[in-house]
Amino acid sequence: MANLTLIYGMRLLPSDEVAEVGDATLKLRNGREARVTMHLLEGSKEDIEKQLKTSLDAFFDFYPEI
């Protein structure tokens, strides 16, 4: 299997300051573009950590071959 690249970004803001979350755009070596869906997690530090771990586990469930 080829080496993989995981692309992600994080920023922590007060929950009442976020108005909208959009997709991030990537430029691929072949000249095409790809989009990355951004996810929003809210709650206490502990809530966010739990949600993030659950989300990460679920993400890798989409790729059972790796």
PDB file of N, CA and C in Angstrom:
ATOM      1  N   MET A   1       0.846  -1.179   0.000  1.00  0.00           N
ATOM      2  CA  MET A   1       0.000   0.000   0.000  1.00  0.00           C
ATOM      3  C   MET A   1       0.891   1.242   0.000  1.00  0.00           C
ATOM      4  N   ALA A   2       0.466   2.256  -0.731  1.00  0.00           N
ATOM      5  CA  ALA A   2       1.199   3.518  -0.802  1.00  0.00           C
ATOM      6  C   ALA A   2       1.117   4.267   0.517  1.00  0.00           C
ATOM      7  N   ASN A   3       2.077   5.146   0.740  1.00  0.00           N
ATOM      8  CA  ASN A   3       1.993   6.024   1.903  1.00  0.00           C
ATOM      9  C   ASN A   3       0.766   6.913   1.762  1.00  0.00           C
ATOM     10  N   LEU A   4       0.162   7.246   2.880  1.00  0.00           N
ATOM     11  CA  LEU A   4      -1.049   8.052   2.894  1.00  0.00           C
ATOM     12  C   LEU A   4      -0.772   9.423   3.501  1.00  0.00           C
ATOM     13  N   THR A   5      -1.646  10.370   3.226  1.00  0.00           N
ATOM     14  CA  THR A   5      -1.574  11.699   3.821  1.00  0.00           C
ATOM     15  C   THR A   5      -2.921  12.012   4.440  1.00  0.00           C
ATOM     16  N   LEU A   6      -2.938  12.360   5.706  1.00  0.00           N
ATOM     17  CA  LEU A   6      -4.163  12.786   6.384  1.00  0.00           C
ATOM     18  C   LEU A   6      -4.107  14.297   6.508  1.00  0.00           C
ATOM     19  N   ILE A   7      -5.122  14.969   5.979  1.00  0.00           N
ATOM     20  CA  ILE A   7      -5.169  16.428   6.022  1.00  0.00           C
ATOM     21  C   ILE A   7      -6.253  16.835   7.007  1.00  0.00           C
ATOM     22  N   TYR A   8      -5.895  17.688   7.929  1.00  0.00           N
ATOM     23  CA  TYR A   8      -6.876  18.163   8.894  1.00  0.00           C
ATOM     24  C   TYR A   8      -6.470  19.545   9.385  1.00  0.00           C
ATOM     25  N   GLY A   9      -7.411  20.238   9.981  1.00  0.00           N
ATOM     26  CA  GLY A   9      -7.136  21.534  10.576  1.00  0.00           C
ATOM     27  C   GLY A   9      -7.973  21.690  11.825  1.00  0.00           C
ATOM     28  N   MET A  10      -7.450  22.439  12.770  1.00  0.00           N
ATOM     29  CA  MET A  10      -8.191  22.672  14.007  1.00  0.00           C
ATOM     30  C   MET A  10      -8.041  24.121  14.427  1.00  0.00           C
ATOM     31  N   ARG A  11      -9.099  24.636  14.965  1.00  0.00           N
ATOM     32  CA  ARG A  11      -9.070  25.970  15.547  1.00  0.00           C
ATOM     33  C   ARG A  11     -10.124  25.999  16.634  1.00  0.00           C
ATOM     34  N   LEU A  12      -9.770  26.491  17.790  1.00  0.00           N
ATOM     35  CA  LEU A  12     -10.683  26.545  18.928  1.00  0.00           C
ATOM     36  C   LEU A  12     -11.140  27.984  19.117  1.00  0.00           C
ATOM     37  N   LEU A  13     -12.459  28.199  19.063  1.00  0.00           N
ATOM     38  CA  LEU A  13     -13.058  29.529  19.188  1.00  0.00           C
ATOM     39  C   LEU A  13     -14.218  29.477  20.169  1.00  0.00           C
ATOM     40  N   PRO A  14     -14.603  30.604  20.748  1.00  0.00           N
ATOM     41  CA  PRO A  14     -15.833  30.625  21.542  1.00  0.00           C
ATOM     42  C   PRO A  14     -17.010  30.233  20.641  1.00  0.00           C
ATOM     43  N   SER A  15     -17.892  29.374  21.128  1.00  0.00           N
ATOM     44  CA  SER A  15     -18.949  28.816  20.273  1.00  0.00           C
ATOM     45  C   SER A  15     -19.889  29.866  19.714  1.00  0.00           C
ATOM     46  N   ASP A  16     -20.059  30.988  20.397  1.00  0.00           N
ATOM     47  CA  ASP A  16     -20.987  32.003  19.894  1.00  0.00           C
ATOM     48  C   ASP A  16     -20.367  32.890  18.815  1.00  0.00           C
ATOM     49  N   GLU A  17     -19.098  32.695  18.481  1.00  0.00           N
ATOM     50  CA  GLU A  17     -18.452  33.498  17.445  1.00  0.00           C
ATOM     51  C   GLU A  17     -18.508  32.858  16.058  1.00  0.00           C
ATOM     52  N   VAL A  18     -18.848  31.578  15.959  1.00  0.00           N
ATOM     53  CA  VAL A  18     -18.840  30.874  14.675  1.00  0.00           C
ATOM     54  C   VAL A  18     -20.188  31.063  13.986  1.00  0.00           C
ATOM     55  N   ALA A  19     -20.150  31.641  12.780  1.00  0.00           N
ATOM     56  CA  ALA A  19     -21.371  31.872  12.016  1.00  0.00           C
ATOM     57  C   ALA A  19     -21.567  30.819  10.932  1.00  0.00           C
ATOM     58  N   GLU A  20     -20.474  30.325  10.351  1.00  0.00           N
ATOM     59  CA  GLU A  20     -20.581  29.389   9.226  1.00  0.00           C
ATOM     60  C   GLU A  20     -19.277  28.627   9.072  1.00  0.00           C
ATOM     61  N   VAL A  21     -19.385  27.373   8.636  1.00  0.00           N
ATOM     62  CA  VAL A  21     -18.222  26.544   8.355  1.00  0.00           C
ATOM     63  C   VAL A  21     -18.365  26.020   6.932  1.00  0.00           C
ATOM     64  N   GLY A  22     -17.334  26.200   6.117  1.00  0.00           N
ATOM     65  CA  GLY A  22     -17.372  25.728   4.737  1.00  0.00           C
ATOM     66  C   GLY A  22     -16.309  24.675   4.499  1.00  0.00           C
ATOM     67  N   ASP A  23     -16.259  24.159   3.279  1.00  0.00           N
ATOM     68  CA  ASP A  23     -15.260  23.169   2.895  1.00  0.00           C
ATOM     69  C   ASP A  23     -13.911  23.837   2.666  1.00  0.00           C
ATOM     70  N   ALA A  24     -12.852  23.085   2.845  1.00  0.00           N
ATOM     71  CA  ALA A  24     -11.507  23.534   2.482  1.00  0.00           C
ATOM     72  C   ALA A  24     -11.186  22.955   1.108  1.00  0.00           C
ATOM     73  N   THR A  25     -10.432  23.698   0.311  1.00  0.00           N
ATOM     74  CA  THR A  25     -10.070  23.258  -1.037  1.00  0.00           C
ATOM     75  C   THR A  25      -8.598  22.882  -1.090  1.00  0.00           C
ATOM     76  N   LEU A  26      -8.310  21.751  -1.727  1.00  0.00           N
ATOM     77  CA  LEU A  26      -6.943  21.273  -1.911  1.00  0.00           C
ATOM     78  C   LEU A  26      -6.602  21.284  -3.386  1.00  0.00           C
ATOM     79  N   LYS A  27      -5.380  21.576  -3.712  1.00  0.00           N
ATOM     80  CA  LYS A  27      -4.896  21.449  -5.086  1.00  0.00           C
ATOM     81  C   LYS A  27      -4.040  20.188  -5.154  1.00  0.00           C
ATOM     82  N   LEU A  28      -4.395  19.301  -6.076  1.00  0.00           N
ATOM     83  CA  LEU A  28      -3.669  18.048  -6.236  1.00  0.00           C
ATOM     84  C   LEU A  28      -2.561  18.209  -7.278  1.00  0.00           C
ATOM     85  N   ARG A  29      -1.581  17.330  -7.226  1.00  0.00           N
ATOM     86  CA  ARG A  29      -0.447  17.414  -8.164  1.00  0.00           C
ATOM     87  C   ARG A  29      -0.869  17.290  -9.615  1.00  0.00           C
ATOM     88  N   ASN A  30      -1.969  16.613  -9.875  1.00  0.00           N
ATOM     89  CA  ASN A  30      -2.430  16.447 -11.255  1.00  0.00           C
ATOM     90  C   ASN A  30      -3.193  17.666 -11.763  1.00  0.00           C
ATOM     91  N   GLY A  31      -3.250  18.733 -10.944  1.00  0.00           N
ATOM     92  CA  GLY A  31      -3.916  19.966 -11.344  1.00  0.00           C
ATOM     93  C   GLY A  31      -5.374  20.057 -10.927  1.00  0.00           C
ATOM     94  N   ARG A  32      -5.938  18.967 -10.497  1.00  0.00           N
ATOM     95  CA  ARG A  32      -7.338  18.967 -10.063  1.00  0.00           C
ATOM     96  C   ARG A  32      -7.450  19.505  -8.648  1.00  0.00           C
ATOM     97  N   GLU A  33      -8.679  19.808  -8.256  1.00  0.00           N
ATOM     98  CA  GLU A  33      -8.955  20.242  -6.889  1.00  0.00           C
ATOM     99  C   GLU A  33      -9.779  19.178  -6.185  1.00  0.00           C
ATOM    100  N   ALA A  34      -9.643  19.116  -4.881  1.00  0.00           N
ATOM    101  CA  ALA A  34     -10.451  18.234  -4.052  1.00  0.00           C
ATOM    102  C   ALA A  34     -10.937  19.052  -2.865  1.00  0.00           C
ATOM    103  N   ARG A  35     -12.004  18.620  -2.267  1.00  0.00           N
ATOM    104  CA  ARG A  35     -12.563  19.338  -1.111  1.00  0.00           C
ATOM    105  C   ARG A  35     -12.473  18.473   0.132  1.00  0.00           C
ATOM    106  N   VAL A  36     -12.278  19.133   1.244  1.00  0.00           N
ATOM    107  CA  VAL A  36     -12.264  18.474   2.547  1.00  0.00           C
ATOM    108  C   VAL A  36     -13.415  19.051   3.358  1.00  0.00           C
ATOM    109  N   THR A  37     -14.293  18.188   3.820  1.00  0.00           N
ATOM    110  CA  THR A  37     -15.399  18.631   4.647  1.00  0.00           C
ATOM    111  C   THR A  37     -14.877  18.990   6.032  1.00  0.00           C
ATOM    112  N   MET A  38     -15.229  20.173   6.481  1.00  0.00           N
ATOM    113  CA  MET A  38     -14.834  20.613   7.814  1.00  0.00           C
ATOM    114  C   MET A  38     -15.922  20.182   8.796  1.00  0.00           C
ATOM    115  N   HIS A  39     -15.537  19.845   9.999  1.00  0.00           N
ATOM    116  CA  HIS A  39     -16.480  19.383  11.012  1.00  0.00           C
ATOM    117  C   HIS A  39     -16.468  20.339  12.187  1.00  0.00           C
ATOM    118  N   LEU A  40     -17.607  20.479  12.824  1.00  0.00           N
ATOM    119  CA  LEU A  40     -17.763  21.376  13.956  1.00  0.00           C
ATOM    120  C   LEU A  40     -18.107  20.561  15.191  1.00  0.00           C
ATOM    121  N   LEU A  41     -17.317  20.689  16.244  1.00  0.00           N
ATOM    122  CA  LEU A  41     -17.565  20.017  17.511  1.00  0.00           C
ATOM    123  C   LEU A  41     -17.715  21.087  18.581  1.00  0.00           C
ATOM    124  N   GLU A  42     -18.739  20.968  19.404  1.00  0.00           N
ATOM    125  CA  GLU A  42     -18.981  21.963  20.451  1.00  0.00           C
ATOM    126  C   GLU A  42     -19.144  21.285  21.798  1.00  0.00           C
ATOM    127  N   GLY A  43     -18.882  22.017  22.851  1.00  0.00           N
ATOM    128  CA  GLY A  43     -19.062  21.518  24.206  1.00  0.00           C
ATOM    129  C   GLY A  43     -17.859  21.866  25.060  1.00  0.00           C
ATOM    130  N   SER A  44     -17.747  21.194  26.168  1.00  0.00           N
ATOM    131  CA  SER A  44     -16.602  21.392  27.054  1.00  0.00           C
ATOM    132  C   SER A  44     -15.366  20.752  26.427  1.00  0.00           C
ATOM    133  N   LYS A  45     -14.220  21.004  27.002  1.00  0.00           N
ATOM    134  CA  LYS A  45     -12.976  20.385  26.522  1.00  0.00           C
ATOM    135  C   LYS A  45     -13.133  18.875  26.465  1.00  0.00           C
ATOM    136  N   GLU A  46     -13.697  18.313  27.521  1.00  0.00           N
ATOM    137  CA  GLU A  46     -13.872  16.861  27.594  1.00  0.00           C
ATOM    138  C   GLU A  46     -14.851  16.374  26.528  1.00  0.00           C
ATOM    139  N   ASP A  47     -15.944  17.128  26.319  1.00  0.00           N
ATOM    140  CA  ASP A  47     -16.924  16.757  25.280  1.00  0.00           C
ATOM    141  C   ASP A  47     -16.276  16.745  23.910  1.00  0.00           C
ATOM    142  N   ILE A  48     -15.498  17.797  23.618  1.00  0.00           N
ATOM    143  CA  ILE A  48     -14.854  17.908  22.312  1.00  0.00           C
ATOM    144  C   ILE A  48     -13.849  16.783  22.108  1.00  0.00           C
ATOM    145  N   GLU A  49     -13.051  16.481  23.131  1.00  0.00           N
ATOM    146  CA  GLU A  49     -12.080  15.389  23.016  1.00  0.00           C
ATOM    147  C   GLU A  49     -12.772  14.065  22.740  1.00  0.00           C
ATOM    148  N   LYS A  50     -13.870  13.797  23.438  1.00  0.00           N
ATOM    149  CA  LYS A  50     -14.608  12.545  23.250  1.00  0.00           C
ATOM    150  C   LYS A  50     -15.186  12.474  21.838  1.00  0.00           C
ATOM    151  N   GLN A  51     -15.799  13.575  21.375  1.00  0.00           N
ATOM    152  CA  GLN A  51     -16.373  13.613  20.033  1.00  0.00           C
ATOM    153  C   GLN A  51     -15.295  13.447  18.964  1.00  0.00           C
ATOM    154  N   LEU A  52     -14.144  14.080  19.178  1.00  0.00           N
ATOM    155  CA  LEU A  52     -13.055  13.996  18.209  1.00  0.00           C
ATOM    156  C   LEU A  52     -12.530  12.568  18.103  1.00  0.00           C
ATOM    157  N   LYS A  53     -12.350  11.898  19.226  1.00  0.00           N
ATOM    158  CA  LYS A  53     -11.886  10.510  19.206  1.00  0.00           C
ATOM    159  C   LYS A  53     -12.893   9.600  18.516  1.00  0.00           C
ATOM    160  N   THR A  54     -14.179   9.818  18.792  1.00  0.00           N
ATOM    161  CA  THR A  54     -15.226   9.016  18.158  1.00  0.00           C
ATOM    162  C   THR A  54     -15.244   9.257  16.659  1.00  0.00           C
ATOM    163  N   SER A  55     -15.114  10.530  16.257  1.00  0.00           N
ATOM    164  CA  SER A  55     -15.113  10.884  14.843  1.00  0.00           C
ATOM    165  C   SER A  55     -13.911  10.277  14.127  1.00  0.00           C
ATOM    166  N   LEU A  56     -12.757  10.307  14.760  1.00  0.00           N
ATOM    167  CA  LEU A  56     -11.551   9.736  14.156  1.00  0.00           C
ATOM    168  C   LEU A  56     -11.691   8.226  13.976  1.00  0.00           C
ATOM    169  N   ASP A  57     -12.217   7.555  14.988  1.00  0.00           N
ATOM    170  CA  ASP A  57     -12.449   6.111  14.865  1.00  0.00           C
ATOM    171  C   ASP A  57     -13.411   5.809  13.716  1.00  0.00           C
ATOM    172  N   ALA A  58     -14.485   6.588  13.617  1.00  0.00           N
ATOM    173  CA  ALA A  58     -15.475   6.374  12.556  1.00  0.00           C
ATOM    174  C   ALA A  58     -14.879   6.640  11.182  1.00  0.00           C
ATOM    175  N   PHE A  59     -13.999   7.654  11.080  1.00  0.00           N
ATOM    176  CA  PHE A  59     -13.355   7.972   9.813  1.00  0.00           C
ATOM    177  C   PHE A  59     -12.594   6.763   9.289  1.00  0.00           C
ATOM    178  N   PHE A  60     -11.813   6.123  10.132  1.00  0.00           N
ATOM    179  CA  PHE A  60     -11.020   4.974   9.689  1.00  0.00           C
ATOM    180  C   PHE A  60     -11.878   3.739   9.425  1.00  0.00           C
ATOM    181  N   ASP A  61     -13.093   3.706   9.958  1.00  0.00           N
ATOM    182  CA  ASP A  61     -14.011   2.619   9.625  1.00  0.00           C
ATOM    183  C   ASP A  61     -14.391   2.642   8.148  1.00  0.00           C
ATOM    184  N   PHE A  62     -14.310   3.839   7.506  1.00  0.00           N
ATOM    185  CA  PHE A  62     -14.599   3.944   6.074  1.00  0.00           C
ATOM    186  C   PHE A  62     -13.521   3.273   5.229  1.00  0.00           C
ATOM    187  N   TYR A  63     -12.348   3.041   5.813  1.00  0.00           N
ATOM    188  CA  TYR A  63     -11.219   2.483   5.071  1.00  0.00           C
ATOM    189  C   TYR A  63     -10.723   1.195   5.738  1.00  0.00           C
ATOM    190  N   PRO A  64     -11.522   0.127   5.709  1.00  0.00           N
ATOM    191  CA  PRO A  64     -11.136  -1.102   6.394  1.00  0.00           C
ATOM    192  C   PRO A  64      -9.874  -1.747   5.803  1.00  0.00           C
ATOM    193  N   GLU A  65      -9.514  -1.364   4.587  1.00  0.00           N
ATOM    194  CA  GLU A  65      -8.358  -1.986   3.937  1.00  0.00           C
ATOM    195  C   GLU A  65      -7.027  -1.466   4.475  1.00  0.00           C
ATOM    196  N   ILE A  66      -7.033  -0.395   5.261  1.00  0.00           N
ATOM    197  CA  ILE A  66      -5.766   0.124   5.788  1.00  0.00           C
ATOM    198  C   ILE A  66      -5.599  -0.210   7.250  1.00  0.00           C
TER     199      ILE A  66
END
